[in-house]
Amino acid sequence: MMEVGVRLMGIILRLLNLLLAPLFWWRGRHQGSLPPPPSPLLLKSATELAAAIRDGEITSEKLVSIYVDRVKEVNPYLNAVVEERYRAALEEAKSVDRQIADAKQHGTLDLLVKNKPLLGVPFSVKESCSLAGLSNSVGCLENAGRRATTDGEVVRLVRKSGAIPLLVSNTPELCLGWETTNLLRGTTNNPYCLSRTPGGSSGGEGALLACGAAAFSVASDVAGSIRIPAAFCGLFGHKPTPGVISIEGHIPTLSDELFPRFLTVGPMVRRAEDLPLLMNIMAGRNKHMLRLDEPVDMSKLKIYYMTEAGSSLALIRVHQSIKDMIINAANYLVKECSSQLCQEKFSELIDSVEISISVFFSMKDIPNMLQDPANPKVPGIVCDDLSLYNENDDEIKYVRTHKPRMLQCERSLFMELLKSIFGGGTRSLQALGFTVINKTRLFIPQSRRPAYNGMAKYLRELMTKTLGDNGVLLYPVCNGLAHYHHQVFLRASGVMYTMIFNILGMPATTVPMGLYKGLPVGIQVVAAPNQDRLCLAVAKELEKGFGGWRPPQ
């Protein structure tokens, strides 16, 4: 049963979405179109490109040049690039070509490729994942000019595999949003429709990758930040099981012990065959935990599916094209792969909003977007409600304590919203919207939060047991297709379809299933913890049946 406050807010937003739909359509009716990819190499997978370089079909220098030219061609339409390193990338590509020539001369090419399976392949990096020497401001005005001093751990591993980074891409302010826009870098556009969003927070990556301006992407996901851009941009995007892939070097980060359970770093790709390769590289020493090289017997796979979380006046209904594709995918896997269709539904997912908000916002040191960095903290006495979780008890008990500590000087939320609306704010509307949720918790009573924490534990156990080591859930990524710019405020409830699996710590993959009136349609494949291989196997089969990524027309 949805909370009264959540239900009321949902109904209001749903009505506003209906009333304002003509205005969004009117504002977004004029748009340009992207030039098509000029080279067939821009359509190939990273795996194919690595093989082409290894086999001498193309040099890394030539390939990097083609990608650099493509980025320069499309970025004026997309506004996705924060900072580039094209010259350095070309120098690294020349070095790769010399290494390959030397290895061929000495008969050591196989060893070189074994140690560097992505040798010479260009890629892009979400700014928050940290690429040494390039911008690390993550859309914050006060962080303008800040640069990463070292590579994030996943970026380091990918570079170690021989791949060459080209740039860092745009995000919402501190990744706090599902639409990629900020006051420092501006708004990023969707390559399939420039008046719409590529999603967020990995929207810059999604936009570039979808139009052939990167071979693959390093991205991150804390509440759908890989999967939503992948769905809006017609790509494959995987949120790994937490704890397998390092999040070291990601900005922002929190000290709370729950944060590494929610945030994951993972890949976005155009072709499903790249997912296992990249996951093995990104997992480093932990790759044995996922057994990605073991084949999946599709005939023994159990297929569960839900076309939406549930029916309620407070929830925007899932777009019919998404519902149809979930059913089509389930039927395809049964018919073509002899998988077993299961009728059981996880009805508890109807409470995804309450569960996600209650658990996520129980973390301490969540970025305070009202804090004034120009003013020092002041001393004071505060009352803390500390949640104490007992592993042997489903209850979460609250203990009231009084502690002296330094208080942050906060700006007025109302004044910041007003200034932002009229163009004079120092925070983006999305960041302030995040602050509203953090402050209000969507009016979920504090007395109810322990119950929702208990529900999260129960649902994780239920889904883990039900899916086991041979089951997947086919589920929406969002309630709609890529929406118009700024429409995210009215459709924020759609994040309930992704955020819940960050809370539950389950792996999930976005799979592109075709286009509807020119916009990508994506679905989500969810598995039990450490069963990422099932998600990736299903993604590859559905690519065979439905065609996977299609370039923007």
Protein backbone atom coordinates (compact mmCIF):
# COMPACT_ATOMS: atom_id res chain seq x y z
CA MET A 1 0.00 0.00 0.00
CA MET A 2 1.53 3.30 -1.06
CA GLU A 3 2.07 5.99 1.56
CA VAL A 4 -0.48 8.82 1.50
CA GLY A 5 2.21 11.46 0.88
CA VAL A 6 3.80 9.46 -1.94
CA ARG A 7 0.41 8.77 -3.47
CA LEU A 8 -0.65 12.43 -3.33
CA MET A 9 2.61 13.64 -4.86
CA GLY A 10 2.36 10.99 -7.57
CA ILE A 11 -1.18 12.01 -8.47
CA ILE A 12 -0.20 15.69 -8.67
CA LEU A 13 2.79 14.94 -10.90
CA ARG A 14 0.72 12.65 -13.09
CA LEU A 15 -1.89 15.39 -13.60
CA LEU A 16 0.80 17.98 -14.34
CA ASN A 17 2.43 15.60 -16.80
CA LEU A 18 -0.87 15.25 -18.64
CA LEU A 19 -1.66 18.98 -18.60
CA LEU A 20 1.81 20.12 -19.63
CA ALA A 21 2.40 17.47 -22.32
CA PRO A 22 1.29 19.85 -25.15
CA LEU A 23 3.72 22.52 -23.88
CA PHE A 24 6.66 20.10 -23.88
CA TRP A 25 5.69 18.92 -27.36
CA TRP A 26 5.46 22.53 -28.62
CA ARG A 27 8.84 23.46 -27.15
CA GLY A 28 10.48 20.34 -28.55
CA ARG A 29 8.89 20.19 -31.99
CA HIS A 30 11.86 21.80 -33.79
CA GLN A 31 15.03 19.78 -33.91
CA GLY A 32 17.96 19.09 -36.16
CA SER A 33 19.34 15.71 -37.08
CA LEU A 34 22.78 14.19 -36.76
CA PRO A 35 24.93 13.38 -39.78
CA PRO A 36 25.15 9.59 -40.24
CA PRO A 37 28.36 7.76 -39.25
CA PRO A 38 30.76 8.31 -42.18
CA SER A 39 32.71 5.07 -41.66
CA PRO A 40 31.48 1.48 -41.15
CA LEU A 41 34.18 1.14 -38.48
CA LEU A 42 32.04 3.39 -36.27
CA LEU A 43 29.34 0.71 -36.28
CA LYS A 44 31.53 -2.15 -35.09
CA SER A 45 31.91 -3.58 -31.60
CA ALA A 46 35.00 -2.97 -29.50
CA THR A 47 35.80 -6.67 -29.86
CA GLU A 48 35.75 -6.40 -33.65
CA LEU A 49 37.85 -3.24 -33.62
CA ALA A 50 40.48 -4.85 -31.40
CA ALA A 51 40.67 -7.78 -33.83
CA ALA A 52 40.95 -5.43 -36.82
CA ILE A 53 43.91 -3.64 -35.21
CA ARG A 54 45.55 -6.91 -34.21
CA ASP A 55 45.12 -8.40 -37.69
CA GLY A 56 46.52 -5.32 -39.44
CA GLU A 57 43.26 -4.33 -41.14
CA ILE A 58 43.60 -0.84 -39.68
CA THR A 59 46.10 0.96 -37.51
CA SER A 60 45.17 2.27 -34.10
CA GLU A 61 46.22 5.75 -35.22
CA LYS A 62 43.79 5.65 -38.13
CA LEU A 63 40.97 4.30 -35.95
CA VAL A 64 41.50 6.91 -33.25
CA SER A 65 41.55 9.63 -35.94
CA ILE A 66 38.21 8.40 -37.29
CA TYR A 67 36.67 8.51 -33.81
CA VAL A 68 38.12 11.94 -33.03
CA ASP A 69 36.65 13.29 -36.26
CA ARG A 70 33.28 11.75 -35.37
CA VAL A 71 33.25 13.34 -31.91
CA LYS A 72 34.07 16.72 -33.43
CA GLU A 73 31.28 16.22 -35.96
CA VAL A 74 28.49 15.33 -33.52
CA ASN A 75 29.35 17.18 -30.32
CA PRO A 76 28.01 20.55 -31.56
CA TYR A 77 24.62 18.81 -31.76
CA LEU A 78 24.96 16.85 -28.49
CA ASN A 79 26.98 19.00 -26.08
CA ALA A 80 28.30 15.83 -24.43
CA VAL A 81 32.06 16.45 -24.20
CA VAL A 82 33.43 18.11 -21.06
CA GLU A 83 37.13 17.91 -21.96
CA GLU A 84 39.15 16.03 -24.59
CA ARG A 85 42.65 14.63 -24.99
CA TYR A 86 42.71 13.97 -28.74
CA ARG A 87 46.38 14.82 -29.28
CA ALA A 88 47.52 12.58 -26.42
CA ALA A 89 45.22 9.80 -27.68
CA LEU A 90 46.77 9.95 -31.15
CA GLU A 91 50.26 9.75 -29.65
CA GLU A 92 49.22 6.70 -27.64
CA ALA A 93 47.74 5.16 -30.79
CA LYS A 94 51.05 5.61 -32.63
CA SER A 95 52.80 3.87 -29.73
CA VAL A 96 50.32 0.98 -29.99
CA ASP A 97 51.07 0.58 -33.68
CA ARG A 98 54.79 0.40 -32.92
CA GLN A 99 54.17 -2.21 -30.21
CA ILE A 100 52.17 -4.36 -32.62
CA ALA A 101 54.79 -4.09 -35.37
CA ASP A 102 57.52 -5.04 -32.89
CA ALA A 103 55.48 -7.95 -31.50
CA LYS A 104 54.86 -9.33 -34.99
CA GLN A 105 58.55 -9.08 -35.79
CA HIS A 106 59.48 -11.03 -32.65
CA GLY A 107 56.57 -13.47 -32.71
CA THR A 108 55.05 -12.23 -29.44
CA LEU A 109 51.78 -10.79 -30.77
CA ASP A 110 49.63 -13.46 -29.10
CA LEU A 111 51.14 -12.69 -25.70
CA LEU A 112 50.67 -8.95 -26.25
CA VAL A 113 47.01 -9.39 -27.16
CA LYS A 114 46.40 -11.77 -24.27
CA ASN A 115 47.62 -9.14 -21.82
CA LYS A 116 45.98 -6.24 -23.68
CA PRO A 117 42.74 -7.49 -25.30
CA LEU A 118 41.53 -3.97 -26.17
CA LEU A 119 44.84 -2.75 -27.55
CA GLY A 120 44.41 0.44 -29.55
CA VAL A 121 40.61 0.77 -29.16
CA PRO A 122 39.34 4.30 -28.28
CA PHE A 123 36.77 4.80 -25.53
CA SER A 124 35.14 7.58 -23.49
CA VAL A 125 34.81 8.12 -19.74
CA LYS A 126 32.02 9.55 -17.62
CA GLU A 127 33.57 12.57 -15.90
CA SER A 128 32.72 11.25 -12.43
CA CYS A 129 34.81 8.10 -13.03
CA SER A 130 38.05 10.17 -13.10
CA LEU A 131 40.51 10.32 -16.00
CA ALA A 132 43.90 11.67 -14.91
CA GLY A 133 44.63 15.22 -16.07
CA LEU A 134 41.08 15.95 -17.25
CA SER A 135 38.16 17.77 -15.66
CA ASN A 136 36.74 16.31 -12.47
CA SER A 137 34.27 19.06 -11.60
CA VAL A 138 31.18 16.85 -12.21
CA GLY A 139 28.99 19.78 -13.15
CA CYS A 140 29.53 21.89 -9.99
CA LEU A 141 30.20 25.60 -10.41
CA GLU A 142 32.40 25.76 -7.30
CA ASN A 143 34.50 22.87 -8.65
CA ALA A 144 35.18 24.51 -12.02
CA GLY A 145 38.76 23.87 -13.08
CA ARG A 146 39.28 20.89 -10.79
CA ARG A 147 41.11 18.01 -12.46
CA ALA A 148 41.57 14.36 -11.64
CA THR A 149 45.07 13.68 -10.35
CA THR A 150 44.86 9.93 -11.03
CA ASP A 151 42.70 7.53 -13.00
CA GLY A 152 39.76 5.94 -11.25
CA GLU A 153 40.49 2.25 -10.64
CA VAL A 154 38.25 1.00 -13.46
CA VAL A 155 39.69 3.55 -15.90
CA ARG A 156 43.16 2.34 -14.88
CA LEU A 157 42.22 -1.29 -15.59
CA VAL A 158 40.67 -0.44 -18.95
CA ARG A 159 43.76 1.54 -19.97
CA LYS A 160 45.90 -1.37 -18.81
CA SER A 161 43.98 -3.56 -21.27
CA GLY A 162 45.34 -1.35 -24.07
CA ALA A 163 42.32 0.88 -24.71
CA ILE A 164 42.83 4.61 -25.33
CA PRO A 165 40.65 7.26 -23.62
CA LEU A 166 39.49 10.17 -25.77
CA LEU A 167 37.54 12.40 -23.39
CA VAL A 168 35.38 12.82 -20.32
CA SER A 169 31.66 13.39 -20.78
CA ASN A 170 28.88 15.42 -19.22
CA THR A 171 26.81 14.49 -16.15
CA PRO A 172 24.20 16.16 -13.97
CA GLU A 173 25.58 18.13 -11.02
CA LEU A 174 27.37 15.57 -8.81
CA CYS A 175 25.45 12.90 -10.78
CA LEU A 176 22.32 13.87 -8.83
CA GLY A 177 19.74 13.53 -11.58
CA TRP A 178 18.29 11.45 -14.38
CA GLU A 179 18.68 14.16 -17.01
CA THR A 180 22.15 15.33 -18.05
CA THR A 181 22.27 19.06 -17.51
CA ASN A 182 24.15 21.38 -15.17
CA LEU A 183 24.98 25.06 -14.80
CA LEU A 184 28.65 24.55 -15.62
CA ARG A 185 28.45 22.64 -18.92
CA GLY A 186 24.84 22.98 -20.03
CA THR A 187 22.41 20.39 -21.38
CA THR A 188 23.27 17.24 -23.33
CA ASN A 189 20.91 16.17 -26.13
CA ASN A 190 19.65 12.77 -27.21
CA PRO A 191 21.05 11.78 -30.64
CA TYR A 192 17.73 10.21 -31.65
CA CYS A 193 15.83 13.42 -30.94
CA LEU A 194 17.80 16.51 -29.99
CA SER A 195 14.89 18.05 -28.10
CA ARG A 196 14.89 15.07 -25.70
CA THR A 197 17.23 13.94 -22.95
CA PRO A 198 19.71 11.05 -23.19
CA GLY A 199 18.91 10.40 -19.52
CA GLY A 200 21.35 10.52 -16.63
CA SER A 201 23.54 10.51 -14.94
CA SER A 202 25.66 8.81 -17.64
CA GLY A 203 23.87 10.78 -20.35
CA GLY A 204 27.01 12.16 -21.99
CA GLU A 205 28.28 8.62 -22.44
CA GLY A 206 24.98 7.42 -23.84
CA ALA A 207 24.73 10.26 -26.36
CA LEU A 208 28.27 9.80 -27.72
CA LEU A 209 28.20 6.02 -27.81
CA ALA A 210 24.84 5.82 -29.58
CA CYS A 211 25.97 7.85 -32.59
CA GLY A 212 29.34 6.13 -33.05
CA ALA A 213 31.54 8.65 -31.25
CA ALA A 214 33.07 6.09 -28.86
CA ALA A 215 33.70 2.37 -29.11
CA PHE A 216 32.54 1.76 -25.52
CA SER A 217 32.03 3.68 -22.29
CA VAL A 218 33.10 3.60 -18.66
CA ALA A 219 30.09 4.75 -16.64
CA SER A 220 28.52 4.45 -13.18
CA ASP A 221 25.11 3.62 -11.72
CA VAL A 222 23.69 4.52 -8.31
CA ALA A 223 19.97 4.68 -9.13
CA GLY A 224 19.71 3.79 -12.82
CA SER A 225 22.53 6.03 -14.08
CA ILE A 226 23.81 3.45 -16.60
CA ARG A 227 20.56 1.68 -17.42
CA ILE A 228 18.34 4.73 -18.07
CA PRO A 229 20.75 6.41 -20.57
CA ALA A 230 21.26 3.02 -22.20
CA ALA A 231 17.49 2.65 -22.64
CA PHE A 232 16.99 6.23 -23.86
CA CYS A 233 19.90 5.89 -26.33
CA GLY A 234 19.31 2.35 -27.59
CA LEU A 235 22.38 0.77 -25.97
CA PHE A 236 23.41 -2.13 -23.78
CA GLY A 237 24.29 -1.01 -20.25
CA HIS A 238 25.12 -3.23 -17.30
CA LYS A 239 24.87 -2.47 -13.59
CA PRO A 240 27.09 -5.11 -11.97
CA THR A 241 26.64 -6.89 -8.67
CA PRO A 242 28.05 -4.42 -6.11
CA GLY A 243 31.43 -5.16 -4.57
CA VAL A 244 32.86 -6.96 -7.60
CA ILE A 245 34.08 -3.90 -9.52
CA SER A 246 35.99 -1.18 -7.67
CA ILE A 247 34.40 2.27 -7.26
CA GLU A 248 37.71 3.83 -6.18
CA GLY A 249 38.21 7.27 -7.70
CA HIS A 250 34.54 7.94 -8.34
CA ILE A 251 33.25 11.44 -7.62
CA PRO A 252 31.13 11.89 -5.56
CA THR A 253 31.70 9.26 -2.91
CA LEU A 254 30.23 8.83 0.55
CA SER A 255 31.78 7.43 3.72
CA ASP A 256 28.61 5.55 4.65
CA GLU A 257 29.09 1.77 4.53
CA LEU A 258 25.91 1.40 2.47
CA PHE A 259 27.22 3.51 -0.41
CA PRO A 260 29.42 0.81 -2.02
CA ARG A 261 26.35 -1.43 -2.06
CA PHE A 262 24.42 1.11 -4.12
CA LEU A 263 27.04 2.64 -6.44
CA THR A 264 28.57 0.49 -9.16
CA VAL A 265 30.89 1.26 -12.06
CA GLY A 266 30.18 -0.62 -15.26
CA PRO A 267 30.15 -0.68 -19.07
CA MET A 268 27.91 0.78 -21.75
CA VAL A 269 28.30 -0.71 -25.25
CA ARG A 270 26.66 -0.91 -28.65
CA ARG A 271 27.11 -4.66 -29.08
CA ALA A 272 26.32 -7.33 -26.49
CA GLU A 273 29.50 -9.31 -27.21
CA ASP A 274 31.53 -6.52 -25.56
CA LEU A 275 29.84 -6.88 -22.18
CA PRO A 276 31.62 -10.05 -20.90
CA LEU A 277 35.00 -8.81 -22.15
CA LEU A 278 34.64 -5.45 -20.43
CA MET A 279 33.23 -6.95 -17.24
CA ASN A 280 36.23 -9.29 -16.97
CA ILE A 281 38.59 -6.35 -17.45
CA MET A 282 36.77 -4.05 -15.03
CA ALA A 283 36.46 -6.71 -12.32
CA GLY A 284 40.23 -7.25 -12.27
CA ARG A 285 41.16 -9.77 -9.58
CA ASN A 286 37.50 -10.31 -8.72
CA LYS A 287 36.45 -11.60 -12.14
CA HIS A 288 36.35 -15.18 -10.85
CA MET A 289 33.36 -14.20 -8.69
CA LEU A 290 31.15 -13.82 -11.76
CA ARG A 291 32.29 -16.84 -13.84
CA LEU A 292 31.59 -14.90 -17.02
CA ASP A 293 33.53 -17.34 -19.19
CA GLU A 294 31.26 -20.25 -18.26
CA PRO A 295 28.54 -20.81 -20.88
CA VAL A 296 24.88 -20.39 -19.89
CA ASP A 297 22.48 -23.20 -20.84
CA MET A 298 19.52 -21.16 -22.09
CA SER A 299 17.27 -24.23 -22.11
CA LYS A 300 17.55 -24.38 -18.32
CA LEU A 301 16.90 -20.69 -17.82
CA LYS A 302 13.74 -19.61 -15.99
CA ILE A 303 12.08 -16.46 -17.36
CA TYR A 304 10.02 -14.26 -15.06
CA TYR A 305 8.50 -11.08 -16.41
CA MET A 306 6.51 -8.04 -15.27
CA THR A 307 5.35 -5.28 -17.60
CA GLU A 308 5.03 -2.80 -14.72
CA ALA A 309 5.41 -2.65 -10.95
CA GLY A 310 1.70 -2.35 -10.37
CA SER A 311 -1.35 -0.23 -11.06
CA SER A 312 -2.01 2.96 -9.10
CA LEU A 313 -3.41 6.43 -9.69
CA ALA A 314 -0.08 7.74 -8.39
CA LEU A 315 2.05 5.98 -11.01
CA ILE A 316 2.47 6.88 -14.66
CA ARG A 317 1.67 3.77 -16.65
CA VAL A 318 4.49 2.08 -18.53
CA HIS A 319 4.54 2.94 -22.23
CA GLN A 320 2.82 0.27 -24.29
CA SER A 321 5.85 -0.24 -26.56
CA ILE A 322 7.91 -1.25 -23.51
CA LYS A 323 5.22 -3.63 -22.27
CA ASP A 324 4.97 -5.22 -25.70
CA MET A 325 8.73 -5.74 -25.92
CA ILE A 326 8.91 -7.39 -22.50
CA ILE A 327 6.26 -9.89 -23.57
CA ASN A 328 7.92 -10.36 -26.98
CA ALA A 329 11.27 -10.98 -25.30
CA ALA A 330 9.80 -13.57 -22.94
CA ASN A 331 8.07 -15.38 -25.79
CA TYR A 332 11.21 -15.29 -27.94
CA LEU A 333 13.36 -16.85 -25.22
CA VAL A 334 10.80 -19.61 -24.71
CA LYS A 335 10.35 -20.32 -28.41
CA GLU A 336 13.89 -19.90 -29.74
CA CYS A 337 15.98 -20.85 -26.68
CA SER A 338 13.65 -23.37 -25.02
CA SER A 339 13.74 -21.36 -21.79
CA GLN A 340 11.05 -21.94 -19.16
CA LEU A 341 8.39 -19.26 -18.71
CA CYS A 342 7.37 -18.68 -15.08
CA GLN A 343 4.14 -16.93 -14.11
CA GLU A 344 5.16 -15.82 -10.60
CA LYS A 345 5.22 -12.04 -10.07
CA PHE A 346 7.03 -10.00 -7.45
CA SER A 347 4.09 -7.94 -6.24
CA GLU A 348 6.25 -6.33 -3.53
CA LEU A 349 7.85 -4.16 -6.23
CA ILE A 350 4.79 -1.89 -6.06
CA ASP A 351 6.45 -0.37 -2.96
CA SER A 352 9.71 0.37 -4.80
CA VAL A 353 9.46 4.14 -4.24
CA GLU A 354 9.02 3.87 -0.48
CA ILE A 355 11.66 1.15 -0.12
CA SER A 356 14.22 2.99 -2.25
CA ILE A 357 13.74 6.39 -0.62
CA SER A 358 13.73 4.99 2.93
CA VAL A 359 16.89 2.94 2.47
CA PHE A 360 18.90 5.26 0.21
CA PHE A 361 18.34 8.41 2.22
CA SER A 362 19.21 6.66 5.47
CA MET A 363 22.88 7.14 4.49
CA LYS A 364 24.89 9.77 6.27
CA ASP A 365 26.92 12.54 4.55
CA ILE A 366 24.71 12.66 1.45
CA PRO A 367 25.81 15.80 -0.45
CA ASN A 368 24.07 18.84 0.97
CA MET A 369 23.30 20.99 -2.05
CA LEU A 370 22.26 23.90 0.17
CA GLN A 371 25.59 24.13 1.95
CA ASP A 372 27.33 27.43 1.34
CA PRO A 373 31.01 26.67 0.57
CA ALA A 374 31.89 30.32 1.13
CA ASN A 375 30.80 30.30 4.77
CA PRO A 376 32.40 28.30 7.59
CA LYS A 377 30.51 25.86 9.77
CA VAL A 378 29.18 27.04 13.12
CA PRO A 379 29.03 25.07 16.41
CA GLY A 380 25.73 23.73 17.69
CA ILE A 381 23.87 20.87 19.33
CA VAL A 382 22.00 18.47 17.07
CA CYS A 383 19.72 15.52 17.65
CA ASP A 384 20.59 12.42 15.62
CA ASP A 385 18.33 9.48 14.91
CA LEU A 386 20.77 6.63 14.46
CA SER A 387 19.35 3.49 12.87
CA LEU A 388 20.78 0.35 14.44
CA TYR A 389 20.39 -2.77 12.32
CA ASN A 390 20.50 -6.18 13.94
CA GLU A 391 21.37 -9.00 11.52
CA ASN A 392 19.25 -11.40 13.59
CA ASP A 393 16.26 -9.10 13.71
CA ASP A 394 14.11 -7.69 10.92
CA GLU A 395 13.52 -4.51 12.91
CA ILE A 396 15.57 -1.37 12.61
CA LYS A 397 15.48 0.49 15.90
CA TYR A 398 16.03 4.22 16.26
CA VAL A 399 18.02 5.63 19.16
CA ARG A 400 17.79 9.37 19.81
CA THR A 401 21.11 10.94 20.71
CA HIS A 402 22.27 14.51 21.25
CA LYS A 403 25.71 15.41 19.97
CA PRO A 404 27.67 18.65 19.76
CA ARG A 405 29.12 19.20 16.30
CA MET A 406 29.79 21.82 13.66
CA LEU A 407 26.65 22.74 11.74
CA GLN A 408 26.68 23.64 8.07
CA CYS A 409 25.58 27.08 6.99
CA GLU A 410 22.69 26.41 4.63
CA ARG A 411 21.11 28.57 2.00
CA SER A 412 17.34 28.82 1.85
CA LEU A 413 15.86 26.06 -0.34
CA PHE A 414 12.96 28.30 -1.36
CA MET A 415 15.27 31.15 -2.36
CA GLU A 416 17.59 28.82 -4.28
CA LEU A 417 14.63 27.37 -6.19
CA LEU A 418 13.40 30.87 -6.97
CA LYS A 419 16.83 32.06 -8.15
CA SER A 420 17.31 28.93 -10.24
CA ILE A 421 13.96 29.38 -11.98
CA PHE A 422 14.92 32.94 -12.96
CA GLY A 423 18.46 32.03 -14.03
CA GLY A 424 20.42 33.36 -11.07
CA GLY A 425 20.99 30.21 -9.02
CA THR A 426 24.22 28.45 -8.16
CA ARG A 427 22.59 25.01 -8.15
CA SER A 428 20.78 23.26 -10.97
CA LEU A 429 17.06 22.59 -10.62
CA GLN A 430 17.82 18.87 -10.62
CA ALA A 431 20.20 19.18 -7.69
CA LEU A 432 17.61 21.21 -5.81
CA GLY A 433 14.97 18.63 -6.67
CA PHE A 434 17.24 15.98 -5.15
CA THR A 435 17.49 18.19 -2.06
CA VAL A 436 13.70 18.39 -1.80
CA ILE A 437 13.51 14.59 -1.80
CA ASN A 438 16.32 14.34 0.74
CA LYS A 439 14.67 16.89 3.05
CA THR A 440 11.11 15.57 2.78
CA ARG A 441 11.73 11.84 2.16
CA LEU A 442 8.53 12.19 0.11
CA PHE A 443 6.67 12.63 3.40
CA ILE A 444 7.22 9.02 4.41
CA PRO A 445 6.78 9.05 8.21
CA GLN A 446 9.93 8.27 10.14
CA SER A 447 8.01 5.62 12.03
CA ARG A 448 7.45 3.73 8.77
CA ARG A 449 11.04 3.77 7.56
CA PRO A 450 12.17 0.72 9.60
CA ALA A 451 9.33 -1.27 8.03
CA TYR A 452 10.52 -0.37 4.54
CA ASN A 453 14.08 -1.31 5.48
CA GLY A 454 12.71 -4.67 6.54
CA MET A 455 10.80 -4.96 3.27
CA ALA A 456 14.04 -4.35 1.34
CA LYS A 457 15.70 -7.22 3.19
CA TYR A 458 12.71 -9.50 2.59
CA LEU A 459 12.47 -8.64 -1.11
CA ARG A 460 16.20 -9.23 -1.66
CA GLU A 461 15.94 -12.64 -0.01
CA LEU A 462 12.77 -13.52 -1.94
CA MET A 463 14.14 -12.54 -5.35
CA THR A 464 17.55 -14.11 -4.69
CA LYS A 465 15.93 -17.41 -3.72
CA THR A 466 13.34 -17.36 -6.52
CA LEU A 467 15.72 -16.39 -9.34
CA GLY A 468 18.51 -18.59 -7.98
CA ASP A 469 21.37 -19.40 -10.33
CA ASN A 470 19.17 -19.96 -13.38
CA GLY A 471 16.47 -17.29 -13.39
CA VAL A 472 16.05 -13.73 -14.72
CA LEU A 473 13.34 -11.09 -14.47
CA LEU A 474 12.37 -9.09 -17.56
CA TYR A 475 11.22 -5.67 -16.37
CA PRO A 476 10.92 -2.04 -17.56
CA VAL A 477 13.93 0.27 -17.27
CA CYS A 478 11.67 3.30 -16.99
CA ASN A 479 7.98 4.03 -17.41
CA GLY A 480 8.53 5.74 -20.76
CA LEU A 481 10.84 6.44 -23.66
CA ALA A 482 13.29 9.34 -23.75
CA HIS A 483 11.33 12.41 -22.64
CA TYR A 484 11.68 16.07 -23.52
CA HIS A 485 14.21 18.24 -21.73
CA HIS A 486 13.10 19.24 -18.19
CA GLN A 487 10.19 16.79 -18.27
CA VAL A 488 12.15 14.67 -15.80
CA PHE A 489 10.54 16.53 -12.88
CA LEU A 490 7.13 15.20 -13.86
CA ARG A 491 8.33 11.68 -14.65
CA ALA A 492 10.68 11.12 -11.74
CA SER A 493 8.61 8.17 -10.52
CA GLY A 494 10.01 6.19 -13.44
CA VAL A 495 13.27 5.74 -11.54
CA MET A 496 11.45 3.23 -9.30
CA TYR A 497 12.16 0.65 -11.99
CA THR A 498 15.95 0.94 -11.66
CA MET A 499 16.72 2.35 -8.20
CA ILE A 500 15.18 -0.62 -6.41
CA PHE A 501 17.84 -2.96 -7.82
CA ASN A 502 20.62 -0.70 -6.52
CA ILE A 503 18.98 -0.98 -3.10
CA LEU A 504 18.68 -4.77 -3.42
CA GLY A 505 22.22 -5.19 -4.78
CA MET A 506 21.14 -7.14 -7.87
CA PRO A 507 22.80 -7.04 -11.31
CA ALA A 508 20.73 -5.68 -14.19
CA THR A 509 21.28 -5.09 -17.91
CA THR A 510 19.48 -2.75 -20.28
CA VAL A 511 18.80 -4.39 -23.65
CA PRO A 512 17.78 -2.33 -26.73
CA MET A 513 14.72 -3.86 -28.42
CA GLY A 514 14.17 -1.61 -31.42
CA LEU A 515 12.66 1.80 -32.14
CA TYR A 516 9.20 3.25 -31.61
CA LYS A 517 8.54 6.33 -33.78
CA GLY A 518 12.28 6.86 -33.99
CA LEU A 519 12.95 6.54 -30.23
CA PRO A 520 14.78 3.56 -28.68
CA VAL A 521 12.85 1.02 -26.63
CA GLY A 522 14.81 -0.77 -23.92
CA ILE A 523 13.99 -3.41 -21.32
CA GLN A 524 15.80 -4.55 -18.18
CA VAL A 525 17.12 -8.04 -17.42
CA VAL A 526 17.62 -8.63 -13.69
CA ALA A 527 19.32 -11.57 -11.97
CA ALA A 528 20.26 -12.65 -8.45
CA PRO A 529 23.51 -11.30 -6.92
CA ASN A 530 26.68 -12.57 -8.64
CA GLN A 531 24.61 -14.01 -11.50
CA ASP A 532 25.60 -11.26 -13.95
CA ARG A 533 26.42 -13.91 -16.55
CA LEU A 534 22.71 -14.68 -16.90
CA CYS A 535 21.92 -11.03 -17.70
CA LEU A 536 24.67 -10.89 -20.32
CA ALA A 537 23.65 -14.21 -21.91
CA VAL A 538 20.04 -13.06 -22.25
CA ALA A 539 21.21 -9.72 -23.68
CA LYS A 540 23.17 -11.54 -26.38
CA GLU A 541 20.21 -13.78 -27.30
CA LEU A 542 17.79 -10.86 -27.48
CA GLU A 543 20.25 -8.98 -29.70
CA LYS A 544 20.06 -11.90 -32.13
CA GLY A 545 16.29 -11.84 -32.11
CA PHE A 546 15.57 -8.11 -32.13
CA GLY A 547 18.62 -6.50 -33.72
CA GLY A 548 20.07 -4.62 -30.75
CA TRP A 549 21.48 -1.13 -31.27
CA ARG A 550 20.41 0.86 -34.31
CA PRO A 551 22.17 4.13 -35.21
CA PRO A 552 20.09 7.33 -35.11
CA GLN A 553 18.40 7.99 -38.43
